[in-house]
């Protein structure tokens, strides 16, 4: 970026491409955020995403970890000195559709960077969430957030046409379980715009997702 607070990296191989983003707020030691890819392309096809409907393959755990290592080393960042450190799997791909490799990557990242929060950003595919809960219980820096963006399933289905995903009510229920099992609050992303930020939208969201 022009202010040099955001840097985007593109990784290429003969059979895949991935991207990762490095943020500093306002210095790397004060707060560093890394967003990295878990897949090359994405099978979900969210209408707001540059990856579109094109999916190549899932990344192996070492390919996920490499992105984090490279971003830090490229800027000579001493991870142990970062006061607020977040590693988010949300750049390209749906993390929970590559869970086995994600779990291996998080095990490695947790050991290498114990001061980092490991955050999963997901559209909530319809999977078995028990392994996710067990991983989050075992690794106490894992956080979970869902891309919600709409207050009704009908509108969300148009924005995120991937059929095999949880309903808004089911997302809320998974969030409640995550809080009960880990003691950590889940989050949801909601990009407010002109057609989804009415009082009625707010009421539906408040009824669906317990503010506590």
N, C-alpha and C. Protein backbone atom coordinates (compact mmCIF):
# COMPACT_ATOMS: atom_id res chain seq x y z
N UNK A 1 0.84 -1.19 0.00
CA UNK A 1 0.00 0.00 0.00
C UNK A 1 0.88 1.24 0.00
N UNK A 2 0.29 2.39 -0.34
CA UNK A 2 1.07 3.63 -0.43
C UNK A 2 1.66 4.03 0.91
N UNK A 3 0.99 3.69 2.00
CA UNK A 3 1.53 4.02 3.33
C UNK A 3 2.46 2.94 3.87
N UNK A 4 2.66 1.88 3.09
CA UNK A 4 3.56 0.77 3.41
C UNK A 4 3.15 -0.01 4.66
N UNK A 5 1.89 0.09 5.05
CA UNK A 5 1.39 -0.68 6.19
C UNK A 5 0.81 -2.02 5.77
N UNK A 6 0.60 -2.21 4.48
CA UNK A 6 0.03 -3.46 3.97
C UNK A 6 0.89 -3.95 2.81
N UNK A 7 1.28 -5.21 2.86
CA UNK A 7 2.06 -5.82 1.78
C UNK A 7 1.40 -7.12 1.34
N UNK A 8 1.23 -7.28 0.03
CA UNK A 8 0.61 -8.49 -0.51
C UNK A 8 1.68 -9.32 -1.22
N UNK A 9 1.68 -10.62 -0.93
CA UNK A 9 2.65 -11.55 -1.51
C UNK A 9 1.90 -12.57 -2.36
N UNK A 10 2.47 -12.91 -3.50
CA UNK A 10 1.90 -13.93 -4.36
C UNK A 10 2.91 -15.06 -4.52
N UNK A 11 2.48 -16.27 -4.23
CA UNK A 11 3.34 -17.46 -4.31
C UNK A 11 2.89 -18.31 -5.48
N UNK A 12 3.84 -18.72 -6.30
CA UNK A 12 3.48 -19.53 -7.47
C UNK A 12 4.27 -20.83 -7.50
N UNK A 13 3.60 -21.85 -7.97
CA UNK A 13 4.20 -23.14 -8.26
C UNK A 13 3.69 -23.57 -9.63
N UNK A 14 4.24 -24.66 -10.13
CA UNK A 14 3.80 -25.12 -11.45
C UNK A 14 2.34 -25.52 -11.47
N UNK A 15 1.83 -25.91 -10.28
CA UNK A 15 0.45 -26.41 -10.22
C UNK A 15 -0.46 -25.62 -9.30
N UNK A 16 -0.02 -24.44 -8.85
CA UNK A 16 -0.85 -23.69 -7.90
C UNK A 16 -0.36 -22.26 -7.74
N UNK A 17 -1.24 -21.42 -7.25
CA UNK A 17 -0.88 -20.05 -6.88
C UNK A 17 -1.60 -19.73 -5.57
N UNK A 18 -0.93 -18.99 -4.72
CA UNK A 18 -1.54 -18.58 -3.45
C UNK A 18 -1.13 -17.16 -3.13
N UNK A 19 -1.82 -16.56 -2.21
CA UNK A 19 -1.45 -15.21 -1.81
C UNK A 19 -1.58 -15.05 -0.30
N UNK A 20 -0.81 -14.11 0.22
CA UNK A 20 -0.83 -13.81 1.64
C UNK A 20 -0.64 -12.31 1.81
N UNK A 21 -1.15 -11.79 2.92
CA UNK A 21 -1.09 -10.34 3.16
C UNK A 21 -0.52 -10.09 4.55
N UNK A 22 0.36 -9.10 4.63
CA UNK A 22 1.03 -8.74 5.87
C UNK A 22 0.65 -7.31 6.25
N UNK A 23 0.14 -7.14 7.49
CA UNK A 23 -0.29 -5.83 7.97
C UNK A 23 0.52 -5.44 9.21
N UNK A 24 0.79 -4.14 9.35
CA UNK A 24 1.36 -3.63 10.60
C UNK A 24 0.50 -2.49 11.11
N UNK A 25 0.29 -2.44 12.44
CA UNK A 25 -0.60 -1.47 13.08
C UNK A 25 0.05 -0.86 14.33
N UNK A 26 0.69 0.28 14.34
CA UNK A 26 1.29 0.95 13.19
C UNK A 26 2.70 0.42 12.91
N UNK A 27 3.21 -0.41 13.88
CA UNK A 27 4.50 -1.05 13.69
C UNK A 27 4.31 -2.55 13.82
N UNK A 28 5.27 -3.33 13.32
CA UNK A 28 5.18 -4.78 13.43
C UNK A 28 5.24 -5.22 14.89
N UNK A 29 6.01 -4.54 15.71
CA UNK A 29 6.12 -4.93 17.12
C UNK A 29 4.83 -4.66 17.88
N UNK A 30 4.12 -3.59 17.51
CA UNK A 30 2.86 -3.27 18.19
C UNK A 30 1.77 -4.27 17.83
N UNK A 31 1.58 -4.47 16.54
CA UNK A 31 0.58 -5.45 16.10
C UNK A 31 0.89 -5.89 14.68
N UNK A 32 0.95 -7.18 14.48
CA UNK A 32 1.17 -7.77 13.16
C UNK A 32 0.03 -8.73 12.86
N UNK A 33 -0.52 -8.61 11.65
CA UNK A 33 -1.57 -9.52 11.20
C UNK A 33 -1.13 -10.14 9.88
N UNK A 34 -1.24 -11.45 9.79
CA UNK A 34 -0.94 -12.17 8.55
C UNK A 34 -2.20 -12.91 8.12
N UNK A 35 -2.60 -12.69 6.87
CA UNK A 35 -3.70 -13.45 6.28
C UNK A 35 -3.10 -14.36 5.22
N UNK A 36 -3.30 -15.66 5.35
CA UNK A 36 -2.69 -16.59 4.40
C UNK A 36 -3.71 -17.53 3.79
N UNK A 37 -3.32 -18.15 2.69
CA UNK A 37 -4.21 -19.01 1.91
C UNK A 37 -4.12 -20.46 2.36
N UNK A 38 -5.24 -21.15 2.26
CA UNK A 38 -5.28 -22.58 2.55
C UNK A 38 -5.56 -23.42 1.31
N UNK A 39 -5.94 -22.74 0.22
CA UNK A 39 -6.20 -23.42 -1.04
C UNK A 39 -5.77 -22.53 -2.20
N UNK A 40 -5.50 -23.12 -3.34
CA UNK A 40 -5.28 -22.36 -4.56
C UNK A 40 -6.61 -22.25 -5.28
N UNK A 41 -7.12 -21.02 -5.36
CA UNK A 41 -8.50 -20.85 -5.80
C UNK A 41 -9.44 -21.27 -4.68
N UNK A 42 -10.71 -21.43 -5.00
CA UNK A 42 -11.68 -21.80 -3.96
C UNK A 42 -12.91 -22.42 -4.60
N UNK A 43 -13.45 -23.49 -4.01
CA UNK A 43 -14.64 -24.14 -4.56
C UNK A 43 -15.96 -23.48 -4.16
N UNK A 44 -15.90 -22.47 -3.30
CA UNK A 44 -17.13 -21.91 -2.73
C UNK A 44 -17.81 -20.93 -3.68
N UNK A 45 -17.07 -20.03 -4.28
CA UNK A 45 -17.64 -19.12 -5.27
C UNK A 45 -18.40 -17.94 -4.71
N UNK A 46 -17.99 -17.38 -3.58
CA UNK A 46 -18.64 -16.18 -3.04
C UNK A 46 -18.63 -15.08 -4.09
N UNK A 47 -19.75 -14.38 -4.24
CA UNK A 47 -19.87 -13.39 -5.30
C UNK A 47 -18.96 -12.19 -5.10
N UNK A 48 -18.48 -11.97 -3.88
CA UNK A 48 -17.64 -10.81 -3.60
C UNK A 48 -16.15 -11.15 -3.67
N UNK A 49 -15.79 -12.38 -3.98
CA UNK A 49 -14.40 -12.82 -3.90
C UNK A 49 -13.74 -12.89 -5.26
N UNK A 50 -12.47 -12.44 -5.32
CA UNK A 50 -11.73 -12.45 -6.57
C UNK A 50 -11.40 -13.83 -7.08
N UNK A 51 -11.43 -14.84 -6.19
CA UNK A 51 -11.12 -16.21 -6.63
C UNK A 51 -12.22 -16.79 -7.50
N UNK A 52 -13.41 -16.20 -7.41
CA UNK A 52 -14.52 -16.67 -8.23
C UNK A 52 -14.86 -18.12 -7.96
N UNK A 53 -15.14 -18.87 -9.03
CA UNK A 53 -15.50 -20.28 -8.89
C UNK A 53 -14.33 -21.20 -9.23
N UNK A 54 -13.16 -20.64 -9.40
CA UNK A 54 -12.03 -21.44 -9.90
C UNK A 54 -11.28 -22.08 -8.73
N UNK A 55 -11.25 -23.39 -8.70
CA UNK A 55 -10.53 -24.13 -7.66
C UNK A 55 -9.46 -24.99 -8.30
N UNK A 56 -8.23 -24.92 -7.77
CA UNK A 56 -7.12 -25.70 -8.30
C UNK A 56 -6.84 -26.89 -7.38
N UNK A 57 -6.40 -26.61 -6.15
CA UNK A 57 -6.15 -27.68 -5.19
C UNK A 57 -5.99 -27.09 -3.80
N UNK A 58 -6.03 -27.96 -2.79
CA UNK A 58 -5.77 -27.54 -1.41
C UNK A 58 -4.27 -27.53 -1.15
N UNK A 59 -3.87 -26.66 -0.23
CA UNK A 59 -2.45 -26.59 0.13
C UNK A 59 -2.13 -27.61 1.21
N UNK A 60 -0.92 -28.12 1.17
CA UNK A 60 -0.41 -28.97 2.23
C UNK A 60 -0.01 -28.11 3.42
N UNK A 61 0.09 -28.73 4.57
CA UNK A 61 0.39 -27.98 5.79
C UNK A 61 1.67 -27.18 5.66
N UNK A 62 2.70 -27.76 5.06
CA UNK A 62 3.97 -27.06 4.94
C UNK A 62 3.87 -25.84 4.04
N UNK A 63 2.94 -25.88 3.08
CA UNK A 63 2.74 -24.73 2.20
C UNK A 63 2.02 -23.60 2.92
N UNK A 64 1.16 -23.95 3.85
CA UNK A 64 0.48 -22.92 4.67
C UNK A 64 1.49 -22.28 5.62
N UNK A 65 2.28 -23.10 6.29
CA UNK A 65 3.27 -22.59 7.24
C UNK A 65 4.33 -21.75 6.52
N UNK A 66 4.72 -22.16 5.32
CA UNK A 66 5.74 -21.43 4.57
C UNK A 66 5.34 -19.97 4.35
N UNK A 67 4.07 -19.73 4.07
CA UNK A 67 3.61 -18.36 3.84
C UNK A 67 3.90 -17.47 5.05
N UNK A 68 3.58 -17.98 6.23
CA UNK A 68 3.80 -17.21 7.46
C UNK A 68 5.29 -16.98 7.69
N UNK A 69 6.06 -18.04 7.58
CA UNK A 69 7.51 -17.93 7.79
C UNK A 69 8.13 -16.92 6.83
N UNK A 70 7.72 -16.99 5.57
CA UNK A 70 8.32 -16.12 4.55
C UNK A 70 7.97 -14.65 4.79
N UNK A 71 6.72 -14.37 5.13
CA UNK A 71 6.32 -12.97 5.36
C UNK A 71 7.12 -12.36 6.51
N UNK A 72 7.29 -13.13 7.58
CA UNK A 72 8.03 -12.62 8.73
C UNK A 72 9.50 -12.42 8.38
N UNK A 73 10.12 -13.40 7.75
CA UNK A 73 11.54 -13.30 7.43
C UNK A 73 11.82 -12.22 6.40
N UNK A 74 10.89 -12.01 5.48
CA UNK A 74 11.11 -11.02 4.41
C UNK A 74 11.23 -9.60 4.97
N UNK A 75 10.61 -9.36 6.12
CA UNK A 75 10.65 -8.03 6.74
C UNK A 75 11.49 -8.04 8.03
N UNK A 76 12.22 -9.11 8.24
CA UNK A 76 13.09 -9.24 9.43
C UNK A 76 12.31 -9.00 10.72
N UNK A 77 11.13 -9.59 10.80
CA UNK A 77 10.27 -9.41 11.98
C UNK A 77 10.59 -10.49 13.01
N UNK A 78 10.87 -10.07 14.23
CA UNK A 78 11.10 -11.00 15.33
C UNK A 78 9.74 -11.29 15.97
N UNK A 79 9.18 -12.45 15.66
CA UNK A 79 7.81 -12.76 16.11
C UNK A 79 7.68 -12.73 17.62
N UNK A 80 8.73 -13.05 18.34
CA UNK A 80 8.66 -13.10 19.81
C UNK A 80 8.47 -11.71 20.42
N UNK A 81 8.74 -10.66 19.64
CA UNK A 81 8.62 -9.29 20.15
C UNK A 81 7.30 -8.63 19.77
N UNK A 82 6.48 -9.34 19.02
CA UNK A 82 5.19 -8.77 18.62
C UNK A 82 4.23 -8.78 19.81
N UNK A 83 3.65 -7.63 20.11
CA UNK A 83 2.73 -7.53 21.25
C UNK A 83 1.37 -8.15 20.93
N UNK A 84 0.86 -7.87 19.75
CA UNK A 84 -0.41 -8.46 19.30
C UNK A 84 -0.16 -9.09 17.94
N UNK A 85 -0.26 -10.41 17.89
CA UNK A 85 0.10 -11.16 16.69
C UNK A 85 -1.07 -12.04 16.30
N UNK A 86 -1.55 -11.89 15.07
CA UNK A 86 -2.67 -12.68 14.58
C UNK A 86 -2.30 -13.34 13.25
N UNK A 87 -2.52 -14.62 13.16
CA UNK A 87 -2.36 -15.36 11.91
C UNK A 87 -3.75 -15.84 11.51
N UNK A 88 -4.24 -15.33 10.39
CA UNK A 88 -5.61 -15.63 9.98
C UNK A 88 -5.61 -16.42 8.68
N UNK A 89 -6.30 -17.55 8.66
CA UNK A 89 -6.46 -18.30 7.41
C UNK A 89 -7.73 -17.80 6.74
N UNK A 90 -7.53 -16.86 5.80
CA UNK A 90 -8.70 -16.23 5.19
C UNK A 90 -8.38 -15.56 3.85
N UNK A 91 -7.17 -15.75 3.33
CA UNK A 91 -6.82 -15.02 2.11
C UNK A 91 -7.46 -15.66 0.88
N UNK A 92 -7.12 -16.91 0.60
CA UNK A 92 -7.72 -17.63 -0.52
C UNK A 92 -8.06 -19.03 -0.08
N UNK A 93 -9.28 -19.47 -0.41
CA UNK A 93 -9.69 -20.83 -0.06
C UNK A 93 -10.59 -20.86 1.16
N UNK A 94 -11.30 -21.96 1.32
CA UNK A 94 -12.15 -22.21 2.49
C UNK A 94 -11.39 -23.12 3.44
N UNK A 95 -10.91 -22.59 4.57
CA UNK A 95 -10.05 -23.35 5.48
C UNK A 95 -10.64 -24.68 5.95
N UNK A 96 -11.94 -24.70 6.25
CA UNK A 96 -12.54 -25.90 6.82
C UNK A 96 -12.81 -26.99 5.77
N UNK A 97 -12.60 -26.66 4.50
CA UNK A 97 -12.66 -27.69 3.46
C UNK A 97 -11.27 -28.30 3.23
N UNK A 98 -10.31 -27.84 4.01
CA UNK A 98 -8.96 -28.41 3.99
C UNK A 98 -8.51 -28.62 5.44
N UNK A 99 -9.42 -29.18 6.24
CA UNK A 99 -9.20 -29.20 7.68
C UNK A 99 -8.00 -30.04 8.11
N UNK A 100 -7.80 -31.20 7.52
CA UNK A 100 -6.71 -32.07 7.97
C UNK A 100 -5.35 -31.38 7.83
N UNK A 101 -5.13 -30.70 6.71
CA UNK A 101 -3.87 -29.98 6.51
C UNK A 101 -3.82 -28.73 7.37
N UNK A 102 -4.97 -28.08 7.55
CA UNK A 102 -5.02 -26.90 8.42
C UNK A 102 -4.65 -27.27 9.85
N UNK A 103 -5.17 -28.39 10.33
CA UNK A 103 -4.87 -28.82 11.69
C UNK A 103 -3.37 -29.07 11.85
N UNK A 104 -2.75 -29.73 10.87
CA UNK A 104 -1.30 -29.96 10.93
C UNK A 104 -0.55 -28.63 10.94
N UNK A 105 -0.99 -27.69 10.10
CA UNK A 105 -0.34 -26.38 10.03
C UNK A 105 -0.46 -25.63 11.36
N UNK A 106 -1.64 -25.68 11.98
CA UNK A 106 -1.84 -24.99 13.25
C UNK A 106 -0.99 -25.60 14.36
N UNK A 107 -0.81 -26.91 14.33
CA UNK A 107 0.06 -27.56 15.32
C UNK A 107 1.48 -27.00 15.21
N UNK A 108 1.95 -26.85 13.98
CA UNK A 108 3.31 -26.33 13.74
C UNK A 108 3.39 -24.86 14.12
N UNK A 109 2.41 -24.08 13.69
CA UNK A 109 2.43 -22.64 13.96
C UNK A 109 2.32 -22.35 15.45
N UNK A 110 1.55 -23.17 16.16
CA UNK A 110 1.39 -22.98 17.61
C UNK A 110 2.72 -23.17 18.33
N UNK A 111 3.50 -24.13 17.87
CA UNK A 111 4.81 -24.38 18.48
C UNK A 111 5.82 -23.29 18.10
N UNK A 112 5.77 -22.84 16.84
CA UNK A 112 6.74 -21.85 16.37
C UNK A 112 6.42 -20.45 16.88
N UNK A 113 5.12 -20.14 16.97
CA UNK A 113 4.70 -18.78 17.34
C UNK A 113 3.63 -18.85 18.44
N UNK A 114 4.02 -19.19 19.64
CA UNK A 114 3.04 -19.38 20.73
C UNK A 114 2.31 -18.10 21.13
N UNK A 115 2.84 -16.94 20.74
CA UNK A 115 2.18 -15.68 21.08
C UNK A 115 1.17 -15.25 20.02
N UNK A 116 1.00 -16.05 18.97
CA UNK A 116 0.08 -15.68 17.89
C UNK A 116 -1.30 -16.28 18.11
N UNK A 117 -2.31 -15.49 17.83
CA UNK A 117 -3.68 -16.02 17.77
C UNK A 117 -3.87 -16.64 16.40
N UNK A 118 -4.40 -17.83 16.36
CA UNK A 118 -4.62 -18.56 15.12
C UNK A 118 -6.11 -18.51 14.81
N UNK A 119 -6.48 -17.75 13.80
CA UNK A 119 -7.89 -17.46 13.54
C UNK A 119 -8.37 -18.09 12.24
N UNK A 120 -9.51 -18.76 12.34
CA UNK A 120 -10.13 -19.39 11.18
C UNK A 120 -11.30 -18.53 10.72
N UNK A 121 -11.27 -18.10 9.47
CA UNK A 121 -12.39 -17.38 8.89
C UNK A 121 -13.05 -18.27 7.85
N UNK A 122 -14.34 -18.56 8.05
CA UNK A 122 -15.00 -19.61 7.27
C UNK A 122 -16.41 -19.19 6.85
N UNK A 123 -16.88 -19.74 5.74
CA UNK A 123 -18.27 -19.53 5.34
C UNK A 123 -19.20 -20.55 6.01
N UNK A 124 -18.64 -21.42 6.82
CA UNK A 124 -19.40 -22.45 7.55
C UNK A 124 -19.91 -23.56 6.65
N UNK A 125 -19.01 -24.30 6.03
CA UNK A 125 -19.46 -25.47 5.26
C UNK A 125 -20.09 -26.50 6.18
N UNK A 126 -20.95 -27.33 5.62
CA UNK A 126 -21.64 -28.35 6.42
C UNK A 126 -20.71 -29.55 6.58
N UNK A 127 -19.92 -29.52 7.67
CA UNK A 127 -18.96 -30.57 7.98
C UNK A 127 -19.19 -31.04 9.40
N UNK A 128 -18.45 -32.03 9.82
CA UNK A 128 -18.45 -32.45 11.22
C UNK A 128 -17.55 -31.48 12.00
N UNK A 129 -18.13 -30.69 12.90
CA UNK A 129 -17.37 -29.68 13.63
C UNK A 129 -16.71 -30.22 14.89
N UNK A 130 -16.92 -31.50 15.20
CA UNK A 130 -16.30 -32.06 16.40
C UNK A 130 -14.77 -32.01 16.33
N UNK A 131 -14.13 -32.38 15.21
CA UNK A 131 -12.67 -32.24 15.15
C UNK A 131 -12.20 -30.80 15.30
N UNK A 132 -12.99 -29.86 14.81
CA UNK A 132 -12.64 -28.44 14.96
C UNK A 132 -12.68 -28.05 16.43
N UNK A 133 -13.72 -28.50 17.13
CA UNK A 133 -13.84 -28.20 18.56
C UNK A 133 -12.68 -28.81 19.34
N UNK A 134 -12.35 -30.05 19.03
CA UNK A 134 -11.27 -30.72 19.74
C UNK A 134 -9.94 -30.01 19.51
N UNK A 135 -9.70 -29.57 18.28
CA UNK A 135 -8.47 -28.84 17.99
C UNK A 135 -8.43 -27.53 18.77
N UNK A 136 -9.56 -26.83 18.84
CA UNK A 136 -9.61 -25.55 19.55
C UNK A 136 -9.49 -25.73 21.06
N UNK A 137 -9.93 -26.87 21.57
CA UNK A 137 -9.74 -27.17 22.99
C UNK A 137 -8.27 -27.45 23.28
N UNK A 138 -7.62 -28.12 22.35
CA UNK A 138 -6.22 -28.51 22.54
C UNK A 138 -5.26 -27.32 22.34
N UNK A 139 -5.59 -26.46 21.37
CA UNK A 139 -4.75 -25.30 21.06
C UNK A 139 -5.49 -24.05 21.53
N UNK A 140 -5.02 -23.46 22.61
CA UNK A 140 -5.80 -22.41 23.26
C UNK A 140 -5.69 -21.03 22.63
N UNK A 141 -5.05 -20.94 21.46
CA UNK A 141 -4.97 -19.64 20.77
C UNK A 141 -5.86 -19.59 19.53
N UNK A 142 -6.61 -20.65 19.29
CA UNK A 142 -7.46 -20.71 18.10
C UNK A 142 -8.75 -19.93 18.30
N UNK A 143 -9.09 -19.14 17.29
CA UNK A 143 -10.36 -18.41 17.28
C UNK A 143 -11.14 -18.78 16.03
N UNK A 144 -12.45 -18.57 16.08
CA UNK A 144 -13.33 -18.97 14.98
C UNK A 144 -14.23 -17.80 14.59
N UNK A 145 -14.26 -17.48 13.31
CA UNK A 145 -15.20 -16.47 12.85
C UNK A 145 -15.85 -16.92 11.55
N UNK A 146 -17.12 -16.56 11.39
CA UNK A 146 -17.88 -16.97 10.22
C UNK A 146 -18.23 -15.76 9.36
N UNK A 147 -18.17 -15.95 8.05
CA UNK A 147 -18.59 -14.92 7.11
C UNK A 147 -20.11 -15.02 6.95
N UNK A 148 -20.81 -14.09 7.56
CA UNK A 148 -22.27 -14.11 7.56
C UNK A 148 -22.82 -13.17 6.49
N UNK A 149 -22.58 -11.88 6.63
CA UNK A 149 -22.82 -10.84 5.62
C UNK A 149 -24.29 -10.54 5.29
N UNK A 150 -25.20 -11.44 5.58
CA UNK A 150 -26.62 -11.18 5.33
C UNK A 150 -27.43 -11.68 6.52
N UNK A 151 -28.62 -11.12 6.71
CA UNK A 151 -29.44 -11.48 7.87
C UNK A 151 -30.50 -12.54 7.56
N UNK A 152 -30.58 -12.96 6.30
CA UNK A 152 -31.50 -14.04 5.94
C UNK A 152 -30.74 -15.07 5.10
N UNK A 153 -31.18 -16.32 5.21
CA UNK A 153 -30.53 -17.38 4.42
C UNK A 153 -30.76 -17.17 2.92
N UNK A 154 -31.93 -16.63 2.56
CA UNK A 154 -32.24 -16.41 1.15
C UNK A 154 -31.22 -15.45 0.50
N UNK A 155 -30.96 -14.33 1.17
CA UNK A 155 -30.01 -13.37 0.61
C UNK A 155 -28.58 -13.90 0.71
N UNK A 156 -28.28 -14.63 1.77
CA UNK A 156 -26.93 -15.17 1.92
C UNK A 156 -26.64 -16.24 0.86
N UNK A 157 -27.67 -17.00 0.49
CA UNK A 157 -27.49 -18.01 -0.54
C UNK A 157 -27.13 -17.39 -1.90
N UNK A 158 -27.64 -16.19 -2.16
CA UNK A 158 -27.30 -15.50 -3.41
C UNK A 158 -25.86 -14.99 -3.37
N UNK A 159 -25.44 -14.53 -2.19
CA UNK A 159 -24.09 -14.01 -2.04
C UNK A 159 -23.05 -15.12 -1.98
N UNK A 160 -23.43 -16.23 -1.30
CA UNK A 160 -22.55 -17.39 -1.16
C UNK A 160 -23.31 -18.59 -1.71
N UNK A 161 -23.22 -18.86 -3.02
CA UNK A 161 -24.06 -19.89 -3.65
C UNK A 161 -23.66 -21.33 -3.32
N UNK A 162 -22.57 -21.53 -2.60
CA UNK A 162 -22.14 -22.87 -2.20
C UNK A 162 -23.27 -23.52 -1.39
N UNK A 163 -23.79 -24.64 -1.88
CA UNK A 163 -25.00 -25.22 -1.30
C UNK A 163 -24.77 -25.95 0.01
N UNK A 164 -23.62 -26.62 0.13
CA UNK A 164 -23.40 -27.47 1.30
C UNK A 164 -22.82 -26.66 2.46
N UNK A 165 -23.61 -25.73 2.96
CA UNK A 165 -23.17 -24.87 4.06
C UNK A 165 -24.26 -24.78 5.12
N UNK A 166 -23.89 -24.35 6.30
CA UNK A 166 -24.82 -24.22 7.41
C UNK A 166 -25.76 -23.04 7.20
N UNK A 167 -26.95 -23.16 7.77
CA UNK A 167 -27.86 -22.01 7.80
C UNK A 167 -27.37 -21.03 8.87
N UNK A 168 -27.95 -19.84 8.87
CA UNK A 168 -27.57 -18.85 9.88
C UNK A 168 -27.84 -19.38 11.29
N UNK A 169 -28.96 -20.06 11.48
CA UNK A 169 -29.29 -20.61 12.80
C UNK A 169 -28.26 -21.67 13.19
N UNK A 170 -27.86 -22.50 12.23
CA UNK A 170 -26.88 -23.54 12.52
C UNK A 170 -25.50 -22.93 12.85
N UNK A 171 -25.15 -21.83 12.17
CA UNK A 171 -23.90 -21.14 12.48
C UNK A 171 -23.93 -20.65 13.92
N UNK A 172 -25.06 -20.08 14.32
CA UNK A 172 -25.20 -19.60 15.70
C UNK A 172 -25.04 -20.74 16.69
N UNK A 173 -25.61 -21.89 16.37
CA UNK A 173 -25.52 -23.04 17.27
C UNK A 173 -24.08 -23.54 17.39
N UNK A 174 -23.35 -23.57 16.28
CA UNK A 174 -21.93 -23.97 16.32
C UNK A 174 -21.14 -22.97 17.17
N UNK A 175 -21.47 -21.69 17.02
CA UNK A 175 -20.81 -20.66 17.82
C UNK A 175 -21.04 -20.85 19.30
N UNK A 176 -22.25 -21.20 19.67
CA UNK A 176 -22.58 -21.44 21.08
C UNK A 176 -21.76 -22.62 21.63
N UNK A 177 -21.64 -23.66 20.82
CA UNK A 177 -20.85 -24.83 21.24
C UNK A 177 -19.38 -24.45 21.38
N UNK A 178 -18.87 -23.65 20.44
CA UNK A 178 -17.47 -23.23 20.49
C UNK A 178 -17.19 -22.46 21.78
N UNK A 179 -18.09 -21.55 22.15
CA UNK A 179 -17.94 -20.78 23.39
C UNK A 179 -17.98 -21.70 24.60
N UNK A 180 -18.93 -22.62 24.62
CA UNK A 180 -19.07 -23.54 25.76
C UNK A 180 -17.86 -24.45 25.90
N UNK A 181 -17.31 -24.89 24.78
CA UNK A 181 -16.19 -25.85 24.81
C UNK A 181 -14.84 -25.19 25.08
N UNK A 182 -14.66 -23.95 24.62
CA UNK A 182 -13.35 -23.30 24.70
C UNK A 182 -13.29 -22.12 25.65
N UNK A 183 -14.45 -21.53 25.95
CA UNK A 183 -14.46 -20.31 26.75
C UNK A 183 -14.10 -19.07 25.95
N UNK A 184 -13.95 -19.22 24.63
CA UNK A 184 -13.60 -18.09 23.76
C UNK A 184 -14.78 -17.75 22.86
N UNK A 185 -15.05 -16.46 22.73
CA UNK A 185 -16.18 -16.04 21.92
C UNK A 185 -15.87 -16.16 20.43
N UNK A 186 -16.80 -16.74 19.67
CA UNK A 186 -16.64 -16.74 18.21
C UNK A 186 -17.04 -15.36 17.67
N UNK A 187 -16.72 -15.11 16.43
CA UNK A 187 -17.06 -13.84 15.79
C UNK A 187 -17.79 -14.12 14.48
N UNK A 188 -18.42 -13.07 13.94
CA UNK A 188 -18.89 -13.19 12.57
C UNK A 188 -18.61 -11.90 11.82
N UNK A 189 -18.31 -12.06 10.53
CA UNK A 189 -18.10 -10.91 9.64
C UNK A 189 -19.42 -10.54 9.01
N UNK A 190 -19.69 -9.25 8.98
CA UNK A 190 -20.93 -8.75 8.37
C UNK A 190 -20.60 -7.44 7.69
N UNK A 191 -20.36 -7.49 6.38
CA UNK A 191 -20.04 -6.28 5.63
C UNK A 191 -21.33 -5.50 5.38
N UNK A 192 -21.54 -4.46 6.19
CA UNK A 192 -22.78 -3.69 6.10
C UNK A 192 -22.77 -2.83 4.83
N UNK A 193 -23.88 -2.89 4.11
CA UNK A 193 -24.04 -2.06 2.92
C UNK A 193 -25.49 -1.59 2.87
N UNK A 194 -25.83 -0.89 1.82
CA UNK A 194 -27.13 -0.22 1.76
C UNK A 194 -28.31 -1.19 1.88
N UNK A 195 -28.18 -2.39 1.33
CA UNK A 195 -29.34 -3.27 1.30
C UNK A 195 -29.34 -4.35 2.39
N UNK A 196 -28.44 -4.22 3.40
CA UNK A 196 -28.45 -5.22 4.48
C UNK A 196 -28.24 -4.59 5.86
N UNK A 197 -28.50 -3.31 5.97
CA UNK A 197 -28.24 -2.63 7.24
C UNK A 197 -29.46 -1.87 7.78
N UNK A 198 -30.64 -2.42 7.53
CA UNK A 198 -31.87 -1.82 8.05
C UNK A 198 -32.09 -2.23 9.51
N UNK A 199 -33.03 -1.61 10.15
CA UNK A 199 -33.40 -1.98 11.52
C UNK A 199 -33.86 -3.44 11.56
N UNK A 200 -34.59 -3.86 10.51
CA UNK A 200 -35.06 -5.24 10.45
C UNK A 200 -33.89 -6.21 10.36
N UNK A 201 -32.87 -5.86 9.57
CA UNK A 201 -31.68 -6.70 9.50
C UNK A 201 -31.02 -6.81 10.87
N UNK A 202 -30.91 -5.68 11.55
CA UNK A 202 -30.27 -5.66 12.87
C UNK A 202 -31.04 -6.53 13.86
N UNK A 203 -32.36 -6.46 13.81
CA UNK A 203 -33.19 -7.26 14.72
C UNK A 203 -33.02 -8.75 14.44
N UNK A 204 -32.97 -9.11 13.16
CA UNK A 204 -32.79 -10.53 12.83
C UNK A 204 -31.44 -11.04 13.32
N UNK A 205 -30.41 -10.23 13.13
CA UNK A 205 -29.06 -10.63 13.58
C UNK A 205 -29.02 -10.76 15.10
N UNK A 206 -29.66 -9.82 15.80
CA UNK A 206 -29.65 -9.86 17.26
C UNK A 206 -30.41 -11.09 17.78
N UNK A 207 -31.44 -11.51 17.05
CA UNK A 207 -32.20 -12.69 17.45
C UNK A 207 -31.43 -13.97 17.14
N UNK A 208 -30.68 -13.95 16.04
CA UNK A 208 -29.93 -15.14 15.64
C UNK A 208 -28.69 -15.37 16.48
N UNK A 209 -27.95 -14.28 16.75
CA UNK A 209 -26.65 -14.39 17.40
C UNK A 209 -26.68 -13.71 18.76
N UNK A 210 -26.52 -14.49 19.81
CA UNK A 210 -26.55 -14.01 21.19
C UNK A 210 -25.40 -13.02 21.41
N UNK A 211 -25.70 -11.75 21.70
CA UNK A 211 -24.64 -10.76 21.91
C UNK A 211 -23.67 -11.14 23.03
N UNK A 212 -24.11 -11.97 23.96
CA UNK A 212 -23.23 -12.39 25.05
C UNK A 212 -22.23 -13.44 24.61
